Amino acid sequence: GVFRVSLGSVTAFSTNIDWNQSVLWLSVNFNGDGEMGPYVRLSAAPY
C-alpha cells in the first residue's frame, strides 16, 4: 500500500510556481479515479 515518488523527476517544476509563499497544495489522482481530497498542504523542508 506504500508508494514513494520524486515529484519533478518526470515533469520538471514550472517556473511559475512561487515557492516563497505559504499556500501550495498537492493533489493525487490514483489510477484515474479522480483527485483525492482534501489536498495535501505543502510545508517547509530542511533542503
ModelCIF file with pLDDT and N, C-alpha, C, O atoms, coordinates in Angstrom:
data_MODEL
#
_entry.id   MODEL 
#
_entity.id                         1 
_entity.type                       polymer 
_entity.pdbx_number_of_molecules   1 
#
_entity_poly.entity_id                      1 
_entity_poly.type                           'polypeptide(L)' 
_entity_poly.nstd_linkage                   no 
_entity_poly.nstd_monomer                   no 
_entity_poly.pdbx_seq_one_letter_code       GVFRVSLGSVTAFSTNIDWNQSVLWLSVNFNGDGEMGPYVRLSAAPY 
_entity_poly.pdbx_seq_one_letter_code_can   GVFRVSLGSVTAFSTNIDWNQSVLWLSVNFNGDGEMGPYVRLSAAPY 
_entity_poly.pdbx_strand_id                 A 
#
loop_
_entity_poly_seq.entity_id 
_entity_poly_seq.num 
_entity_poly_seq.mon_id 
_entity_poly_seq.hetero 
1 1  GLY n 
1 2  VAL n 
1 3  PHE n 
1 4  ARG n 
1 5  VAL n 
1 6  SER n 
1 7  LEU n 
1 8  GLY n 
1 9  SER n 
1 10 VAL n 
1 11 THR n 
1 12 ALA n 
1 13 PHE n 
1 14 SER n 
1 15 THR n 
1 16 ASN n 
1 17 ILE n 
1 18 ASP n 
1 19 TRP n 
1 20 ASN n 
1 21 GLN n 
1 22 SER n 
1 23 VAL n 
1 24 LEU n 
1 25 TRP n 
1 26 LEU n 
1 27 SER n 
1 28 VAL n 
1 29 ASN n 
1 30 PHE n 
1 31 ASN n 
1 32 GLY n 
1 33 ASP n 
1 34 GLY n 
1 35 GLU n 
1 36 MET n 
1 37 GLY n 
1 38 PRO n 
1 39 TYR n 
1 40 VAL n 
1 41 ARG n 
1 42 LEU n 
1 43 SER n 
1 44 ALA n 
1 45 ALA n 
1 46 PRO n 
1 47 TYR n 
#
_struct_asym.id          A 
_struct_asym.entity_id   1 
#
loop_
_ma_qa_metric.id 
_ma_qa_metric.mode 
_ma_qa_metric.name 
_ma_qa_metric.software_group_id 
_ma_qa_metric.type 
1 global pLDDT . pLDDT 
2 local  pLDDT . pLDDT 
#
_ma_qa_metric_global.metric_id      1 
_ma_qa_metric_global.metric_value   87.38 
_ma_qa_metric_global.model_id       1 
_ma_qa_metric_global.ordinal_id     1 
#
loop_
_ma_qa_metric_local.label_asym_id 
_ma_qa_metric_local.label_comp_id 
_ma_qa_metric_local.label_seq_id 
_ma_qa_metric_local.metric_id 
_ma_qa_metric_local.metric_value 
_ma_qa_metric_local.model_id 
_ma_qa_metric_local.ordinal_id 
A GLY 1  2 95.00 1 1  
A VAL 2  2 96.00 1 2  
A PHE 3  2 96.00 1 3  
A ARG 4  2 96.00 1 4  
A VAL 5  2 96.00 1 5  
A SER 6  2 94.00 1 6  
A LEU 7  2 95.00 1 7  
A GLY 8  2 94.00 1 8  
A SER 9  2 94.00 1 9  
A VAL 10 2 95.00 1 10 
A THR 11 2 94.00 1 11 
A ALA 12 2 92.00 1 12 
A PHE 13 2 90.00 1 13 
A SER 14 2 80.00 1 14 
A THR 15 2 81.00 1 15 
A ASN 16 2 81.00 1 16 
A ILE 17 2 87.00 1 17 
A ASP 18 2 84.00 1 18 
A TRP 19 2 82.00 1 19 
A ASN 20 2 80.00 1 20 
A GLN 21 2 80.00 1 21 
A SER 22 2 79.00 1 22 
A VAL 23 2 88.00 1 23 
A LEU 24 2 90.00 1 24 
A TRP 25 2 91.00 1 25 
A LEU 26 2 93.00 1 26 
A SER 27 2 93.00 1 27 
A VAL 28 2 95.00 1 28 
A ASN 29 2 95.00 1 29 
A PHE 30 2 95.00 1 30 
A ASN 31 2 93.00 1 31 
A GLY 32 2 92.00 1 32 
A ASP 33 2 91.00 1 33 
A GLY 34 2 91.00 1 34 
A GLU 35 2 91.00 1 35 
A MET 36 2 89.00 1 36 
A GLY 37 2 84.00 1 37 
A PRO 38 2 86.00 1 38 
A TYR 39 2 89.00 1 39 
A VAL 40 2 89.00 1 40 
A ARG 41 2 88.00 1 41 
A LEU 42 2 87.00 1 42 
A SER 43 2 83.00 1 43 
A ALA 44 2 73.00 1 44 
A ALA 45 2 69.00 1 45 
A PRO 46 2 55.00 1 46 
A TYR 47 2 56.00 1 47 
#
loop_
_atom_site.group_PDB 
_atom_site.id 
_atom_site.type_symbol 
_atom_site.label_atom_id 
_atom_site.label_alt_id 
_atom_site.label_comp_id 
_atom_site.label_asym_id 
_atom_site.label_entity_id 
_atom_site.label_seq_id 
_atom_site.pdbx_PDB_ins_code 
_atom_site.Cartn_x 
_atom_site.Cartn_y 
_atom_site.Cartn_z 
_atom_site.occupancy 
_atom_site.B_iso_or_equiv 
_atom_site.pdbx_formal_charge 
_atom_site.auth_seq_id 
_atom_site.auth_comp_id 
_atom_site.auth_asym_id 
_atom_site.auth_atom_id 
_atom_site.pdbx_PDB_model_num 
ATOM 1   N N  . GLY A 1 1  ? 0.787   -1.226 0.000   1.00 95.00 ? 1  GLY A N  1 
ATOM 2   C CA . GLY A 1 1  ? 0.000   0.000  0.000   1.00 95.00 ? 1  GLY A CA 1 
ATOM 3   C C  . GLY A 1 1  ? 0.820   1.277  0.000   1.00 95.00 ? 1  GLY A C  1 
ATOM 4   O O  . GLY A 1 1  ? 0.260   2.363  -0.143  1.00 95.00 ? 1  GLY A O  1 
ATOM 5   N N  . VAL A 1 2  ? 2.143   1.173  0.158   1.00 96.00 ? 2  VAL A N  1 
ATOM 6   C CA . VAL A 1 2  ? 3.001   2.352  0.270   1.00 96.00 ? 2  VAL A CA 1 
ATOM 7   C C  . VAL A 1 2  ? 3.649   2.666  -1.077  1.00 96.00 ? 2  VAL A C  1 
ATOM 8   O O  . VAL A 1 2  ? 4.111   1.769  -1.781  1.00 96.00 ? 2  VAL A O  1 
ATOM 9   N N  . PHE A 1 3  ? 3.673   3.956  -1.422  1.00 96.00 ? 3  PHE A N  1 
ATOM 10  C CA . PHE A 1 3  ? 4.377   4.404  -2.636  1.00 96.00 ? 3  PHE A CA 1 
ATOM 11  C C  . PHE A 1 3  ? 5.300   5.557  -2.279  1.00 96.00 ? 3  PHE A C  1 
ATOM 12  O O  . PHE A 1 3  ? 5.066   6.289  -1.317  1.00 96.00 ? 3  PHE A O  1 
ATOM 13  N N  . ARG A 1 4  ? 6.342   5.703  -3.066  1.00 96.00 ? 4  ARG A N  1 
ATOM 14  C CA . ARG A 1 4  ? 7.290   6.814  -2.923  1.00 96.00 ? 4  ARG A CA 1 
ATOM 15  C C  . ARG A 1 4  ? 7.608   7.348  -4.312  1.00 96.00 ? 4  ARG A C  1 
ATOM 16  O O  . ARG A 1 4  ? 7.870   6.580  -5.237  1.00 96.00 ? 4  ARG A O  1 
ATOM 17  N N  . VAL A 1 5  ? 7.581   8.671  -4.450  1.00 96.00 ? 5  VAL A N  1 
ATOM 18  C CA . VAL A 1 5  ? 7.914   9.292  -5.734  1.00 96.00 ? 5  VAL A CA 1 
ATOM 19  C C  . VAL A 1 5  ? 8.802   10.509 -5.508  1.00 96.00 ? 5  VAL A C  1 
ATOM 20  O O  . VAL A 1 5  ? 8.794   11.118 -4.438  1.00 96.00 ? 5  VAL A O  1 
ATOM 21  N N  . SER A 1 6  ? 9.556   10.840 -6.528  1.00 94.00 ? 6  SER A N  1 
ATOM 22  C CA . SER A 1 6  ? 10.314  12.096 -6.558  1.00 94.00 ? 6  SER A CA 1 
ATOM 23  C C  . SER A 1 6  ? 9.590   13.001 -7.538  1.00 94.00 ? 6  SER A C  1 
ATOM 24  O O  . SER A 1 6  ? 9.780   12.907 -8.751  1.00 94.00 ? 6  SER A O  1 
ATOM 25  N N  . LEU A 1 7  ? 8.763   13.873 -6.999  1.00 95.00 ? 7  LEU A N  1 
ATOM 26  C CA . LEU A 1 7  ? 7.991   14.777 -7.853  1.00 95.00 ? 7  LEU A CA 1 
ATOM 27  C C  . LEU A 1 7  ? 8.945   15.724 -8.567  1.00 95.00 ? 7  LEU A C  1 
ATOM 28  O O  . LEU A 1 7  ? 9.873   16.263 -7.964  1.00 95.00 ? 7  LEU A O  1 
ATOM 29  N N  . GLY A 1 8  ? 8.705   15.915 -9.835  1.00 94.00 ? 8  GLY A N  1 
ATOM 30  C CA . GLY A 1 8  ? 9.580   16.762 -10.647 1.00 94.00 ? 8  GLY A CA 1 
ATOM 31  C C  . GLY A 1 8  ? 10.587  15.954 -11.445 1.00 94.00 ? 8  GLY A C  1 
ATOM 32  O O  . GLY A 1 8  ? 11.308  16.519 -12.267 1.00 94.00 ? 8  GLY A O  1 
ATOM 33  N N  . SER A 1 9  ? 10.656  14.641 -11.222 1.00 94.00 ? 9  SER A N  1 
ATOM 34  C CA . SER A 1 9  ? 11.619  13.821 -11.965 1.00 94.00 ? 9  SER A CA 1 
ATOM 35  C C  . SER A 1 9  ? 11.111  13.452 -13.355 1.00 94.00 ? 9  SER A C  1 
ATOM 36  O O  . SER A 1 9  ? 11.914  13.165 -14.243 1.00 94.00 ? 9  SER A O  1 
ATOM 37  N N  . VAL A 1 10 ? 9.797   13.455 -13.560 1.00 95.00 ? 10 VAL A N  1 
ATOM 38  C CA . VAL A 1 10 ? 9.228   13.166 -14.875 1.00 95.00 ? 10 VAL A CA 1 
ATOM 39  C C  . VAL A 1 10 ? 8.912   14.473 -15.595 1.00 95.00 ? 10 VAL A C  1 
ATOM 40  O O  . VAL A 1 10 ? 9.236   14.632 -16.772 1.00 95.00 ? 10 VAL A O  1 
ATOM 41  N N  . THR A 1 11 ? 8.285   15.397 -14.894 1.00 94.00 ? 11 THR A N  1 
ATOM 42  C CA . THR A 1 11 ? 7.960   16.717 -15.443 1.00 94.00 ? 11 THR A CA 1 
ATOM 43  C C  . THR A 1 11 ? 8.585   17.758 -14.524 1.00 94.00 ? 11 THR A C  1 
ATOM 44  O O  . THR A 1 11 ? 8.177   17.900 -13.371 1.00 94.00 ? 11 THR A O  1 
ATOM 45  N N  . ALA A 1 12 ? 9.569   18.480 -15.032 1.00 92.00 ? 12 ALA A N  1 
ATOM 46  C CA . ALA A 1 12 ? 10.249  19.490 -14.211 1.00 92.00 ? 12 ALA A CA 1 
ATOM 47  C C  . ALA A 1 12 ? 9.244   20.521 -13.707 1.00 92.00 ? 12 ALA A C  1 
ATOM 48  O O  . ALA A 1 12 ? 8.259   20.833 -14.376 1.00 92.00 ? 12 ALA A O  1 
ATOM 49  N N  . PHE A 1 13 ? 9.517   21.039 -12.517 1.00 90.00 ? 13 PHE A N  1 
ATOM 50  C CA . PHE A 1 13 ? 8.640   22.070 -11.969 1.00 90.00 ? 13 PHE A CA 1 
ATOM 51  C C  . PHE A 1 13 ? 8.695   23.313 -12.847 1.00 90.00 ? 13 PHE A C  1 
ATOM 52  O O  . PHE A 1 13 ? 9.764   23.729 -13.295 1.00 90.00 ? 13 PHE A O  1 
ATOM 53  N N  . SER A 1 14 ? 7.533   23.893 -13.083 1.00 80.00 ? 14 SER A N  1 
ATOM 54  C CA . SER A 1 14 ? 7.464   25.095 -13.908 1.00 80.00 ? 14 SER A CA 1 
ATOM 55  C C  . SER A 1 14 ? 7.962   26.301 -13.123 1.00 80.00 ? 14 SER A C  1 
ATOM 56  O O  . SER A 1 14 ? 7.916   26.330 -11.893 1.00 80.00 ? 14 SER A O  1 
ATOM 57  N N  . THR A 1 15 ? 8.431   27.277 -13.853 1.00 81.00 ? 15 THR A N  1 
ATOM 58  C CA . THR A 1 15 ? 8.971   28.478 -13.219 1.00 81.00 ? 15 THR A CA 1 
ATOM 59  C C  . THR A 1 15 ? 7.870   29.368 -12.657 1.00 81.00 ? 15 THR A C  1 
ATOM 60  O O  . THR A 1 15 ? 8.165   30.331 -11.949 1.00 81.00 ? 15 THR A O  1 
ATOM 61  N N  . ASN A 1 16 ? 6.610   29.068 -12.957 1.00 81.00 ? 16 ASN A N  1 
ATOM 62  C CA . ASN A 1 16 ? 5.537   29.924 -12.439 1.00 81.00 ? 16 ASN A CA 1 
ATOM 63  C C  . ASN A 1 16 ? 5.073   29.508 -11.039 1.00 81.00 ? 16 ASN A C  1 
ATOM 64  O O  . ASN A 1 16 ? 4.119   30.083 -10.515 1.00 81.00 ? 16 ASN A O  1 
ATOM 65  N N  . ILE A 1 17 ? 5.741   28.507 -10.420 1.00 87.00 ? 17 ILE A N  1 
ATOM 66  C CA . ILE A 1 17 ? 5.411   28.156 -9.039  1.00 87.00 ? 17 ILE A CA 1 
ATOM 67  C C  . ILE A 1 17 ? 6.181   29.087 -8.118  1.00 87.00 ? 17 ILE A C  1 
ATOM 68  O O  . ILE A 1 17 ? 7.408   29.153 -8.179  1.00 87.00 ? 17 ILE A O  1 
ATOM 69  N N  . ASP A 1 18 ? 5.470   29.799 -7.275  1.00 84.00 ? 18 ASP A N  1 
ATOM 70  C CA . ASP A 1 18 ? 6.095   30.681 -6.288  1.00 84.00 ? 18 ASP A CA 1 
ATOM 71  C C  . ASP A 1 18 ? 6.304   29.875 -5.008  1.00 84.00 ? 18 ASP A C  1 
ATOM 72  O O  . ASP A 1 18 ? 5.393   29.752 -4.190  1.00 84.00 ? 18 ASP A O  1 
ATOM 73  N N  . TRP A 1 19 ? 7.514   29.326 -4.840  1.00 82.00 ? 19 TRP A N  1 
ATOM 74  C CA . TRP A 1 19 ? 7.817   28.501 -3.672  1.00 82.00 ? 19 TRP A CA 1 
ATOM 75  C C  . TRP A 1 19 ? 7.906   29.339 -2.405  1.00 82.00 ? 19 TRP A C  1 
ATOM 76  O O  . TRP A 1 19 ? 7.880   28.797 -1.300  1.00 82.00 ? 19 TRP A O  1 
ATOM 77  N N  . ASN A 1 20 ? 8.010   30.641 -2.552  1.00 80.00 ? 20 ASN A N  1 
ATOM 78  C CA . ASN A 1 20 ? 8.189   31.534 -1.409  1.00 80.00 ? 20 ASN A CA 1 
ATOM 79  C C  . ASN A 1 20 ? 6.847   32.107 -0.954  1.00 80.00 ? 20 ASN A C  1 
ATOM 80  O O  . ASN A 1 20 ? 6.697   33.321 -0.820  1.00 80.00 ? 20 ASN A O  1 
ATOM 81  N N  . GLN A 1 21 ? 5.885   31.233 -0.720  1.00 80.00 ? 21 GLN A N  1 
ATOM 82  C CA . GLN A 1 21 ? 4.582   31.636 -0.197  1.00 80.00 ? 21 GLN A CA 1 
ATOM 83  C C  . GLN A 1 21 ? 3.991   30.456 0.550   1.00 80.00 ? 21 GLN A C  1 
ATOM 84  O O  . GLN A 1 21 ? 4.513   29.344 0.469   1.00 80.00 ? 21 GLN A O  1 
ATOM 85  N N  . SER A 1 22 ? 2.934   30.679 1.260   1.00 79.00 ? 22 SER A N  1 
ATOM 86  C CA . SER A 1 22 ? 2.500   29.692 2.246   1.00 79.00 ? 22 SER A CA 1 
ATOM 87  C C  . SER A 1 22 ? 1.356   28.781 1.826   1.00 79.00 ? 22 SER A C  1 
ATOM 88  O O  . SER A 1 22 ? 0.996   27.878 2.581   1.00 79.00 ? 22 SER A O  1 
ATOM 89  N N  . VAL A 1 23 ? 0.778   28.982 0.663   1.00 88.00 ? 23 VAL A N  1 
ATOM 90  C CA . VAL A 1 23 ? -0.402  28.188 0.338   1.00 88.00 ? 23 VAL A CA 1 
ATOM 91  C C  . VAL A 1 23 ? -0.210  27.442 -0.987  1.00 88.00 ? 23 VAL A C  1 
ATOM 92  O O  . VAL A 1 23 ? -0.641  27.895 -2.047  1.00 88.00 ? 23 VAL A O  1 
ATOM 93  N N  . LEU A 1 24 ? 0.451   26.284 -0.889  1.00 90.00 ? 24 LEU A N  1 
ATOM 94  C CA . LEU A 1 24 ? 0.593   25.381 -2.025  1.00 90.00 ? 24 LEU A CA 1 
ATOM 95  C C  . LEU A 1 24 ? -0.015  24.038 -1.632  1.00 90.00 ? 24 LEU A C  1 
ATOM 96  O O  . LEU A 1 24 ? 0.200   23.547 -0.524  1.00 90.00 ? 24 LEU A O  1 
ATOM 97  N N  . TRP A 1 25 ? -0.772  23.455 -2.548  1.00 91.00 ? 25 TRP A N  1 
ATOM 98  C CA . TRP A 1 25 ? -1.478  22.200 -2.279  1.00 91.00 ? 25 TRP A CA 1 
ATOM 99  C C  . TRP A 1 25 ? -1.062  21.152 -3.298  1.00 91.00 ? 25 TRP A C  1 
ATOM 100 O O  . TRP A 1 25 ? -0.863  21.465 -4.472  1.00 91.00 ? 25 TRP A O  1 
ATOM 101 N N  . LEU A 1 26 ? -0.929  19.909 -2.852  1.00 93.00 ? 26 LEU A N  1 
ATOM 102 C CA . LEU A 1 26 ? -0.641  18.783 -3.730  1.00 93.00 ? 26 LEU A CA 1 
ATOM 103 C C  . LEU A 1 26 ? -1.875  17.903 -3.826  1.00 93.00 ? 26 LEU A C  1 
ATOM 104 O O  . LEU A 1 26 ? -2.463  17.521 -2.814  1.00 93.00 ? 26 LEU A O  1 
ATOM 105 N N  . SER A 1 27 ? -2.262  17.584 -5.062  1.00 93.00 ? 27 SER A N  1 
ATOM 106 C CA . SER A 1 27 ? -3.365  16.636 -5.242  1.00 93.00 ? 27 SER A CA 1 
ATOM 107 C C  . SER A 1 27 ? -2.819  15.356 -5.861  1.00 93.00 ? 27 SER A C  1 
ATOM 108 O O  . SER A 1 27 ? -1.827  15.372 -6.590  1.00 93.00 ? 27 SER A O  1 
ATOM 109 N N  . VAL A 1 28 ? -3.482  14.254 -5.555  1.00 95.00 ? 28 VAL A N  1 
ATOM 110 C CA . VAL A 1 28 ? -3.084  12.944 -6.060  1.00 95.00 ? 28 VAL A CA 1 
ATOM 111 C C  . VAL A 1 28 ? -4.300  12.301 -6.712  1.00 95.00 ? 28 VAL A C  1 
ATOM 112 O O  . VAL A 1 28 ? -5.385  12.262 -6.132  1.00 95.00 ? 28 VAL A O  1 
ATOM 113 N N  . ASN A 1 29 ? -4.101  11.799 -7.926  1.00 95.00 ? 29 ASN A N  1 
ATOM 114 C CA . ASN A 1 29 ? -5.133  11.068 -8.644  1.00 95.00 ? 29 ASN A CA 1 
ATOM 115 C C  . ASN A 1 29 ? -4.592  9.654  -8.849  1.00 95.00 ? 29 ASN A C  1 
ATOM 116 O O  . ASN A 1 29 ? -3.649  9.447  -9.613  1.00 95.00 ? 29 ASN A O  1 
ATOM 117 N N  . PHE A 1 30 ? -5.193  8.692  -8.167  1.00 95.00 ? 30 PHE A N  1 
ATOM 118 C CA . PHE A 1 30 ? -4.737  7.300  -8.222  1.00 95.00 ? 30 PHE A CA 1 
ATOM 119 C C  . PHE A 1 30 ? -5.518  6.518  -9.261  1.00 95.00 ? 30 PHE A C  1 
ATOM 120 O O  . PHE A 1 30 ? -6.739  6.396  -9.173  1.00 95.00 ? 30 PHE A O  1 
ATOM 121 N N  . ASN A 1 31 ? -4.806  5.991  -10.243 1.00 93.00 ? 31 ASN A N  1 
ATOM 122 C CA . ASN A 1 31 ? -5.355  5.063  -11.224 1.00 93.00 ? 31 ASN A CA 1 
ATOM 123 C C  . ASN A 1 31 ? -6.583  5.610  -11.958 1.00 93.00 ? 31 ASN A C  1 
ATOM 124 O O  . ASN A 1 31 ? -7.483  4.852  -12.318 1.00 93.00 ? 31 ASN A O  1 
ATOM 125 N N  . GLY A 1 32 ? -6.615  6.918  -12.177 1.00 92.00 ? 32 GLY A N  1 
ATOM 126 C CA . GLY A 1 32 ? -7.713  7.533  -12.923 1.00 92.00 ? 32 GLY A CA 1 
ATOM 127 C C  . GLY A 1 32 ? -9.015  7.637  -12.166 1.00 92.00 ? 32 GLY A C  1 
ATOM 128 O O  . GLY A 1 32 ? -10.061 7.863  -12.774 1.00 92.00 ? 32 GLY A O  1 
ATOM 129 N N  . ASP A 1 33 ? -8.983  7.477  -10.835 1.00 91.00 ? 33 ASP A N  1 
ATOM 130 C CA . ASP A 1 33 ? -10.207 7.542  -10.038 1.00 91.00 ? 33 ASP A CA 1 
ATOM 131 C C  . ASP A 1 33 ? -10.608 8.966  -9.665  1.00 91.00 ? 33 ASP A C  1 
ATOM 132 O O  . ASP A 1 33 ? -11.617 9.163  -8.988  1.00 91.00 ? 33 ASP A O  1 
ATOM 133 N N  . GLY A 1 34 ? -9.837  9.956  -10.094 1.00 91.00 ? 34 GLY A N  1 
ATOM 134 C CA . GLY A 1 34 ? -10.119 11.344 -9.752  1.00 91.00 ? 34 GLY A CA 1 
ATOM 135 C C  . GLY A 1 34 ? -9.259  11.801 -8.580  1.00 91.00 ? 34 GLY A C  1 
ATOM 136 O O  . GLY A 1 34 ? -8.724  10.984 -7.831  1.00 91.00 ? 34 GLY A O  1 
ATOM 137 N N  . GLU A 1 35 ? -9.137  13.101 -8.433  1.00 91.00 ? 35 GLU A N  1 
ATOM 138 C CA . GLU A 1 35 ? -8.304  13.652 -7.362  1.00 91.00 ? 35 GLU A CA 1 
ATOM 139 C C  . GLU A 1 35 ? -8.872  13.285 -5.997  1.00 91.00 ? 35 GLU A C  1 
ATOM 140 O O  . GLU A 1 35 ? -10.074 13.392 -5.752  1.00 91.00 ? 35 GLU A O  1 
ATOM 141 N N  . MET A 1 36 ? -7.979  12.853 -5.120  1.00 89.00 ? 36 MET A N  1 
ATOM 142 C CA . MET A 1 36 ? -8.388  12.521 -3.756  1.00 89.00 ? 36 MET A CA 1 
ATOM 143 C C  . MET A 1 36 ? -8.381  13.791 -2.920  1.00 89.00 ? 36 MET A C  1 
ATOM 144 O O  . MET A 1 36 ? -7.592  14.702 -3.172  1.00 89.00 ? 36 MET A O  1 
ATOM 145 N N  . GLY A 1 37 ? -9.238  13.850 -1.951  1.00 84.00 ? 37 GLY A N  1 
ATOM 146 C CA . GLY A 1 37 ? -9.287  15.041 -1.125  1.00 84.00 ? 37 GLY A CA 1 
ATOM 147 C C  . GLY A 1 37 ? -9.314  14.694 0.342   1.00 84.00 ? 37 GLY A C  1 
ATOM 148 O O  . GLY A 1 37 ? -9.589  13.554 0.718   1.00 84.00 ? 37 GLY A O  1 
ATOM 149 N N  . PRO A 1 38 ? -9.034  15.655 1.149   1.00 86.00 ? 38 PRO A N  1 
ATOM 150 C CA . PRO A 1 38 ? -8.594  17.001 0.758   1.00 86.00 ? 38 PRO A CA 1 
ATOM 151 C C  . PRO A 1 38 ? -7.157  16.963 0.233   1.00 86.00 ? 38 PRO A C  1 
ATOM 152 O O  . PRO A 1 38 ? -6.424  15.997 0.447   1.00 86.00 ? 38 PRO A O  1 
ATOM 153 N N  . TYR A 1 39 ? -6.778  18.034 -0.455  1.00 89.00 ? 39 TYR A N  1 
ATOM 154 C CA . TYR A 1 39 ? -5.414  18.141 -0.954  1.00 89.00 ? 39 TYR A CA 1 
ATOM 155 C C  . TYR A 1 39 ? -4.442  18.184 0.217   1.00 89.00 ? 39 TYR A C  1 
ATOM 156 O O  . TYR A 1 39 ? -4.826  18.484 1.347   1.00 89.00 ? 39 TYR A O  1 
ATOM 157 N N  . VAL A 1 40 ? -3.169  17.877 -0.069  1.00 89.00 ? 40 VAL A N  1 
ATOM 158 C CA . VAL A 1 40 ? -2.120  17.902 0.947   1.00 89.00 ? 40 VAL A CA 1 
ATOM 159 C C  . VAL A 1 40 ? -1.421  19.264 0.876   1.00 89.00 ? 40 VAL A C  1 
ATOM 160 O O  . VAL A 1 40 ? -0.921  19.654 -0.179  1.00 89.00 ? 40 VAL A O  1 
ATOM 161 N N  . ARG A 1 41 ? -1.391  19.973 1.988   1.00 88.00 ? 41 ARG A N  1 
ATOM 162 C CA . ARG A 1 41 ? -0.720  21.273 2.004   1.00 88.00 ? 41 ARG A CA 1 
ATOM 163 C C  . ARG A 1 41 ? 0.786   21.057 2.128   1.00 88.00 ? 41 ARG A C  1 
ATOM 164 O O  . ARG A 1 41 ? 1.251   20.369 3.036   1.00 88.00 ? 41 ARG A O  1 
ATOM 165 N N  . LEU A 1 42 ? 1.549   21.657 1.197   1.00 87.00 ? 42 LEU A N  1 
ATOM 166 C CA . LEU A 1 42 ? 2.999   21.539 1.235   1.00 87.00 ? 42 LEU A CA 1 
ATOM 167 C C  . LEU A 1 42 ? 3.546   22.429 2.334   1.00 87.00 ? 42 LEU A C  1 
ATOM 168 O O  . LEU A 1 42 ? 3.067   23.543 2.547   1.00 87.00 ? 42 LEU A O  1 
ATOM 169 N N  . SER A 1 43 ? 4.557   21.924 3.030   1.00 83.00 ? 43 SER A N  1 
ATOM 170 C CA . SER A 1 43 ? 5.166   22.684 4.113   1.00 83.00 ? 43 SER A CA 1 
ATOM 171 C C  . SER A 1 43 ? 6.684   22.702 3.930   1.00 83.00 ? 43 SER A C  1 
ATOM 172 O O  . SER A 1 43 ? 7.220   22.033 3.046   1.00 83.00 ? 43 SER A O  1 
ATOM 173 N N  . ALA A 1 44 ? 7.357   23.461 4.761   1.00 73.00 ? 44 ALA A N  1 
ATOM 174 C CA . ALA A 1 44 ? 8.795   23.644 4.622   1.00 73.00 ? 44 ALA A CA 1 
ATOM 175 C C  . ALA A 1 44 ? 9.545   22.336 4.840   1.00 73.00 ? 44 ALA A C  1 
ATOM 176 O O  . ALA A 1 44 ? 9.092   21.453 5.569   1.00 73.00 ? 44 ALA A O  1 
ATOM 177 N N  . ALA A 1 45 ? 10.694  22.233 4.196   1.00 69.00 ? 45 ALA A N  1 
ATOM 178 C CA . ALA A 1 45 ? 11.573  21.074 4.328   1.00 69.00 ? 45 ALA A CA 1 
ATOM 179 C C  . ALA A 1 45 ? 12.987  21.582 4.597   1.00 69.00 ? 45 ALA A C  1 
ATOM 180 O O  . ALA A 1 45 ? 13.324  22.708 4.230   1.00 69.00 ? 45 ALA A O  1 
ATOM 181 N N  . PRO A 1 46 ? 13.806  20.764 5.231   1.00 55.00 ? 46 PRO A N  1 
ATOM 182 C CA . PRO A 1 46 ? 15.167  21.216 5.545   1.00 55.00 ? 46 PRO A CA 1 
ATOM 183 C C  . PRO A 1 46 ? 15.972  21.628 4.304   1.00 55.00 ? 46 PRO A C  1 
ATOM 184 O O  . PRO A 1 46 ? 16.767  22.565 4.368   1.00 55.00 ? 46 PRO A O  1 
ATOM 185 N N  . TYR A 1 47 ? 15.775  20.949 3.200   1.00 56.00 ? 47 TYR A N  1 
ATOM 186 C CA . TYR A 1 47 ? 16.508  21.272 1.979   1.00 56.00 ? 47 TYR A CA 1 
ATOM 187 C C  . TYR A 1 47 ? 15.522  21.832 0.977   1.00 56.00 ? 47 TYR A C  1 
ATOM 188 O O  . TYR A 1 47 ? 15.906  22.180 -0.139  1.00 56.00 ? 47 TYR A O  1 
#
